[in-house]
C-alpha atoms as a PDB file:
ATOM      1  CA  UNK A   1      93.938-117.519-138.427  1.00  0.00           C
ATOM      2  CA  UNK A   2      91.330-117.938-141.184  1.00  0.00           C
ATOM      3  CA  UNK A   3      91.697-120.095-144.238  1.00  0.00           C
ATOM      4  CA  UNK A   4      90.442-119.035-147.695  1.00  0.00           C
ATOM      5  CA  UNK A   5      88.274-121.697-149.244  1.00  0.00           C
ATOM      6  CA  UNK A   6      88.811-121.618-153.052  1.00  0.00           C
ATOM      7  CA  UNK A   7      85.878-123.129-154.493  1.00  0.00           C
ATOM      8  CA  UNK A   8      86.813-125.000-157.872  1.00  0.00           C
ATOM      9  CA  UNK A   9      84.695-123.775-161.125  1.00  0.00           C
ATOM     10  CA  UNK A  10      82.284-125.436-162.835  1.00  0.00           C
ATOM     11  CA  UNK A  11      84.725-125.670-165.591  1.00  0.00           C
ATOM     12  CA  UNK A  12      87.660-127.428-163.769  1.00  0.00           C
ATOM     13  CA  UNK A  13      85.213-129.823-162.089  1.00  0.00           C
ATOM     14  CA  UNK A  14      83.738-131.049-165.661  1.00  0.00           C
ATOM     15  CA  UNK A  15      87.588-131.158-166.575  1.00  0.00           C
ATOM     16  CA  UNK A  16      88.347-133.066-163.675  1.00  0.00           C
ATOM     17  CA  UNK A  17      85.243-135.604-164.135  1.00  0.00           C
ATOM     18  CA  UNK A  18      86.709-136.020-168.123  1.00  0.00           C
ATOM     19  CA  UNK A  19      89.889-136.836-167.317  1.00  0.00           C
ATOM     20  CA  UNK A  20      88.934-139.476-164.892  1.00  0.00           C
ATOM     21  CA  UNK A  21      86.343-140.857-167.095  1.00  0.00           C
ATOM     22  CA  UNK A  22      89.213-141.070-169.816  1.00  0.00           C
ATOM     23  CA  UNK A  23      91.168-142.650-167.036  1.00  0.00           C
ATOM     24  CA  UNK A  24      88.699-145.108-166.809  1.00  0.00           C
ATOM     25  CA  UNK A  25      88.204-146.068-170.521  1.00  0.00           C
ATOM     26  CA  UNK A  26      92.283-146.642-170.662  1.00  0.00           C
ATOM     27  CA  UNK A  27      91.424-149.290-167.546  1.00  0.00           C
ATOM     28  CA  UNK A  28      88.518-150.840-169.230  1.00  0.00           C
ATOM     29  CA  UNK A  29      90.993-151.341-172.579  1.00  0.00           C
ATOM     30  CA  UNK A  30      93.661-153.290-170.133  1.00  0.00           C
ATOM     31  CA  UNK A  31      94.064-157.330-169.825  1.00  0.00           C
ATOM     32  CA  UNK A  32      92.749-159.047-166.990  1.00  0.00           C
ATOM     33  CA  UNK A  33      96.613-159.182-165.806  1.00  0.00           C
ATOM     34  CA  UNK A  34      97.409-155.551-166.540  1.00  0.00           C
ATOM     35  CA  UNK A  35      94.562-155.117-164.250  1.00  0.00           C
ATOM     36  CA  UNK A  36      95.262-157.338-161.217  1.00  0.00           C
ATOM     37  CA  UNK A  37      98.526-155.406-161.245  1.00  0.00           C
ATOM     38  CA  UNK A  38      97.012-152.416-160.662  1.00  0.00           C
ATOM     39  CA  UNK A  39      95.182-153.527-157.315  1.00  0.00           C
ATOM     40  CA  UNK A  40      92.152-151.683-157.870  1.00  0.00           C
ATOM     41  CA  UNK A  41      89.322-151.913-155.212  1.00  0.00           C
ATOM     42  CA  UNK A  42      86.743-154.368-156.025  1.00  0.00           C
ATOM     43  CA  UNK A  43      83.945-152.262-156.535  1.00  0.00           C
ATOM     44  CA  UNK A  44      85.952-150.788-159.513  1.00  0.00           C
ATOM     45  CA  UNK A  45      87.366-153.834-160.852  1.00  0.00           C
ATOM     46  CA  UNK A  46      83.369-155.178-161.203  1.00  0.00           C
ATOM     47  CA  UNK A  47      82.441-152.140-162.766  1.00  0.00           C
ATOM     48  CA  UNK A  48      85.481-152.428-165.160  1.00  0.00           C
ATOM     49  CA  UNK A  49      84.223-156.291-165.906  1.00  0.00           C
ATOM     50  CA  UNK A  50      81.013-155.069-166.639  1.00  0.00           C
ATOM     51  CA  UNK A  51      82.207-152.192-169.294  1.00  0.00           C
ATOM     52  CA  UNK A  52      84.323-154.783-170.936  1.00  0.00           C
ATOM     53  CA  UNK A  53      81.232-157.138-171.391  1.00  0.00           C
ATOM     54  CA  UNK A  54      78.645-154.633-172.883  1.00  0.00           C
ATOM     55  CA  UNK A  55      78.382-154.193-176.882  1.00  0.00           C
ATOM     56  CA  UNK A  56      76.194-151.343-176.955  1.00  0.00           C
ATOM     57  CA  UNK A  57      77.379-148.101-177.514  1.00  0.00           C
ATOM     58  CA  UNK A  58      74.995-146.315-175.295  1.00  0.00           C
ATOM     59  CA  UNK A  59      75.506-148.656-172.522  1.00  0.00           C
ATOM     60  CA  UNK A  60      79.262-148.402-172.259  1.00  0.00           C
ATOM     61  CA  UNK A  61      79.102-145.024-172.676  1.00  0.00           C
ATOM     62  CA  UNK A  62      76.925-144.868-169.256  1.00  0.00           C
ATOM     63  CA  UNK A  63      79.450-147.479-167.898  1.00  0.00           C
ATOM     64  CA  UNK A  64      82.238-145.578-168.633  1.00  0.00           C
ATOM     65  CA  UNK A  65      80.414-142.318-166.595  1.00  0.00           C
ATOM     66  CA  UNK A  66      79.849-144.465-163.724  1.00  0.00           C
ATOM     67  CA  UNK A  67      83.546-145.762-163.432  1.00  0.00           C
ATOM     68  CA  UNK A  68      84.316-142.142-163.637  1.00  0.00           C
ATOM     69  CA  UNK A  69      81.890-141.739-160.813  1.00  0.00           C
ATOM     70  CA  UNK A  70      83.478-144.160-158.646  1.00  0.00           C
ATOM     71  CA  UNK A  71      87.193-142.624-159.194  1.00  0.00           C
ATOM     72  CA  UNK A  72      86.212-139.824-158.023  1.00  0.00           C
ATOM     73  CA  UNK A  73      84.818-141.418-154.495  1.00  0.00           C
ATOM     74  CA  UNK A  74      88.259-142.401-152.750  1.00  0.00           C
ATOM     75  CA  UNK A  75      90.620-143.059-155.455  1.00  0.00           C
ATOM     76  CA  UNK A  76      93.884-140.978-156.016  1.00  0.00           C
ATOM     77  CA  UNK A  77      94.008-141.096-159.797  1.00  0.00           C
ATOM     78  CA  UNK A  78      97.386-139.615-159.894  1.00  0.00           C
ATOM     79  CA  UNK A  79      99.052-142.701-158.302  1.00  0.00           C
ATOM     80  CA  UNK A  80      96.738-144.793-160.568  1.00  0.00           C
ATOM     81  CA  UNK A  81      97.970-143.305-163.426  1.00  0.00           C
ATOM     82  CA  UNK A  82     101.675-143.269-162.251  1.00  0.00           C
ATOM     83  CA  UNK A  83     101.106-147.290-162.254  1.00  0.00           C
ATOM     84  CA  UNK A  84      99.375-147.467-164.856  1.00  0.00           C
ATOM     85  CA  UNK A  85     102.336-145.807-167.169  1.00  0.00           C
ATOM     86  CA  UNK A  86     104.443-148.286-165.298  1.00  0.00           C
ATOM     87  CA  UNK A  87     102.481-151.309-166.556  1.00  0.00           C
ATOM     88  CA  UNK A  88     102.433-149.784-170.351  1.00  0.00           C
ATOM     89  CA  UNK A  89     106.090-149.308-169.666  1.00  0.00           C
ATOM     90  CA  UNK A  90     105.127-146.051-170.727  1.00  0.00           C
ATOM     91  CA  UNK A  91     107.441-144.153-167.297  1.00  0.00           C
ATOM     92  CA  UNK A  92     110.994-143.478-166.810  1.00  0.00           C
ATOM     93  CA  UNK A  93     110.991-145.639-163.907  1.00  0.00           C
ATOM     94  CA  UNK A  94     109.927-148.625-165.487  1.00  0.00           C
ATOM     95  CA  UNK A  95     112.699-147.901-168.273  1.00  0.00           C
ATOM     96  CA  UNK A  96     115.325-147.787-165.232  1.00  0.00           C
ATOM     97  CA  UNK A  97     114.422-150.773-163.590  1.00  0.00           C
ATOM     98  CA  UNK A  98     114.684-152.682-166.707  1.00  0.00           C
ATOM     99  CA  UNK A  99     118.419-151.329-167.401  1.00  0.00           C
ATOM    100  CA  UNK A 100     119.226-151.922-163.937  1.00  0.00           C
ATOM    101  CA  UNK A 101     117.903-155.929-163.933  1.00  0.00           C
ATOM    102  CA  UNK A 102     119.755-156.054-167.153  1.00  0.00           C
ATOM    103  CA  UNK A 103     122.758-154.504-165.608  1.00  0.00           C
ATOM    104  CA  UNK A 104     122.566-156.730-162.349  1.00  0.00           C
ATOM    105  CA  UNK A 105     121.771-160.132-164.397  1.00  0.00           C
ATOM    106  CA  UNK A 106     125.273-159.545-166.147  1.00  0.00           C
ATOM    107  CA  UNK A 107     126.984-158.699-162.834  1.00  0.00           C
ATOM    108  CA  UNK A 108     125.994-161.789-161.243  1.00  0.00           C
ATOM    109  CA  UNK A 109     126.538-163.968-163.826  1.00  0.00           C
ATOM    110  CA  UNK A 110     130.112-162.764-164.046  1.00  0.00           C
ATOM    111  CA  UNK A 111     131.227-162.191-160.546  1.00  0.00           C
ATOM    112  CA  UNK A 112     129.456-164.416-157.562  1.00  0.00           C
ATOM    113  CA  UNK A 113     130.504-162.205-154.889  1.00  0.00           C
ATOM    114  CA  UNK A 114     128.057-159.521-155.710  1.00  0.00           C
ATOM    115  CA  UNK A 115     125.192-161.667-154.370  1.00  0.00           C
ATOM    116  CA  UNK A 116     125.713-159.851-151.121  1.00  0.00           C
ATOM    117  CA  UNK A 117     125.268-156.478-152.809  1.00  0.00           C
ATOM    118  CA  UNK A 118     122.432-157.614-154.455  1.00  0.00           C
ATOM    119  CA  UNK A 119     120.434-159.167-151.397  1.00  0.00           C
ATOM    120  CA  UNK A 120     121.570-156.131-149.728  1.00  0.00           C
ATOM    121  CA  UNK A 121     120.151-153.337-152.362  1.00  0.00           C
ATOM    122  CA  UNK A 122     117.098-155.809-152.472  1.00  0.00           C
ATOM    123  CA  UNK A 123     116.324-157.402-148.974  1.00  0.00           C
ATOM    124  CA  UNK A 124     112.896-159.161-150.703  1.00  0.00           C
ATOM    125  CA  UNK A 125     115.115-161.236-152.803  1.00  0.00           C
ATOM    126  CA  UNK A 126     114.926-165.399-152.673  1.00  0.00           C
ATOM    127  CA  UNK A 127     118.512-166.299-152.375  1.00  0.00           C
ATOM    128  CA  UNK A 128     117.862-169.778-153.015  1.00  0.00           C
ATOM    129  CA  UNK A 129     115.904-169.578-155.965  1.00  0.00           C
ATOM    130  CA  UNK A 130     118.353-166.587-157.851  1.00  0.00           C
ATOM    131  CA  UNK A 131     121.663-168.986-156.762  1.00  0.00           C
ATOM    132  CA  UNK A 132     120.056-172.222-158.374  1.00  0.00           C
ATOM    133  CA  UNK A 133     118.546-170.307-161.573  1.00  0.00           C
ATOM    134  CA  UNK A 134     122.294-168.478-161.590  1.00  0.00           C
ATOM    135  CA  UNK A 135     124.395-172.081-162.041  1.00  0.00           C
ATOM    136  CA  UNK A 136     121.202-173.337-164.464  1.00  0.00           C
ATOM    137  CA  UNK A 137     122.036-170.308-166.544  1.00  0.00           C
ATOM    138  CA  UNK A 138     125.975-169.834-166.272  1.00  0.00           C
ATOM    139  CA  UNK A 139     125.852-174.414-167.361  1.00  0.00           C
ATOM    140  CA  UNK A 140     123.886-173.176-170.153  1.00  0.00           C
ATOM    141  CA  UNK A 141     126.149-170.676-171.263  1.00  0.00           C
ATOM    142  CA  UNK A 142     129.089-173.283-171.050  1.00  0.00           C
ATOM    143  CA  UNK A 143     126.891-175.543-173.591  1.00  0.00           C
ATOM    144  CA  UNK A 144     126.121-172.168-175.849  1.00  0.00           C
ATOM    145  CA  UNK A 145     122.131-171.885-174.504  1.00  0.00           C
ATOM    146  CA  UNK A 146     119.999-169.580-173.312  1.00  0.00           C
ATOM    147  CA  UNK A 147     116.715-171.649-172.424  1.00  0.00           C
ATOM    148  CA  UNK A 148     116.903-169.387-168.560  1.00  0.00           C
ATOM    149  CA  UNK A 149     118.320-166.086-169.623  1.00  0.00           C
ATOM    150  CA  UNK A 150     115.204-164.503-169.874  1.00  0.00           C
ATOM    151  CA  UNK A 151     113.573-166.357-166.665  1.00  0.00           C
ATOM    152  CA  UNK A 152     116.586-164.731-165.339  1.00  0.00           C
ATOM    153  CA  UNK A 153     116.098-161.338-165.984  1.00  0.00           C
ATOM    154  CA  UNK A 154     112.469-161.550-164.976  1.00  0.00           C
ATOM    155  CA  UNK A 155     113.319-162.918-161.949  1.00  0.00           C
ATOM    156  CA  UNK A 156     115.927-160.340-160.762  1.00  0.00           C
ATOM    157  CA  UNK A 157     113.073-157.913-162.393  1.00  0.00           C
ATOM    158  CA  UNK A 158     110.487-158.713-160.059  1.00  0.00           C
ATOM    159  CA  UNK A 159     113.250-158.645-156.695  1.00  0.00           C
ATOM    160  CA  UNK A 160     113.950-154.936-157.796  1.00  0.00           C
ATOM    161  CA  UNK A 161     110.518-154.119-158.543  1.00  0.00           C
ATOM    162  CA  UNK A 162     109.505-155.388-155.216  1.00  0.00           C
ATOM    163  CA  UNK A 163     112.237-152.953-153.593  1.00  0.00           C
ATOM    164  CA  UNK A 164     111.583-150.150-155.819  1.00  0.00           C
ATOM    165  CA  UNK A 165     108.055-149.959-156.293  1.00  0.00           C
END
């Protein structure tokens, strides 16, 4: 059986290169924390940091082209774009995890018996940390305080993200 090799047109190749370069520009605009979350290869991270340091327009443009070239190497651009959208809060998954985290926070505060179900669904949960924080938040709610309410949400969200991402 002979397989046909479909050659990509020059225009299509240029379009793909420009898309990667645009993605590279988005990466350069990110903060250090968001770049860490993307878990990029070291060589690409170095090129991005260099672009962030540059001030001359021509040098920046050349660095963007270099970043695009590096991304053509062995990087799954689609997966990177999805992670970037998630980090920027632009994906459906981000919204779903956010709402799921809110829901679980409220459920766990209302009923201690749901802890086993939560741990079953999200096995990477640190049960002792979650229980301790739940106790603190419940006490604070009795005193009409909300110092650790957001901290509880973030903790639950991190466990859900650890399982779903």
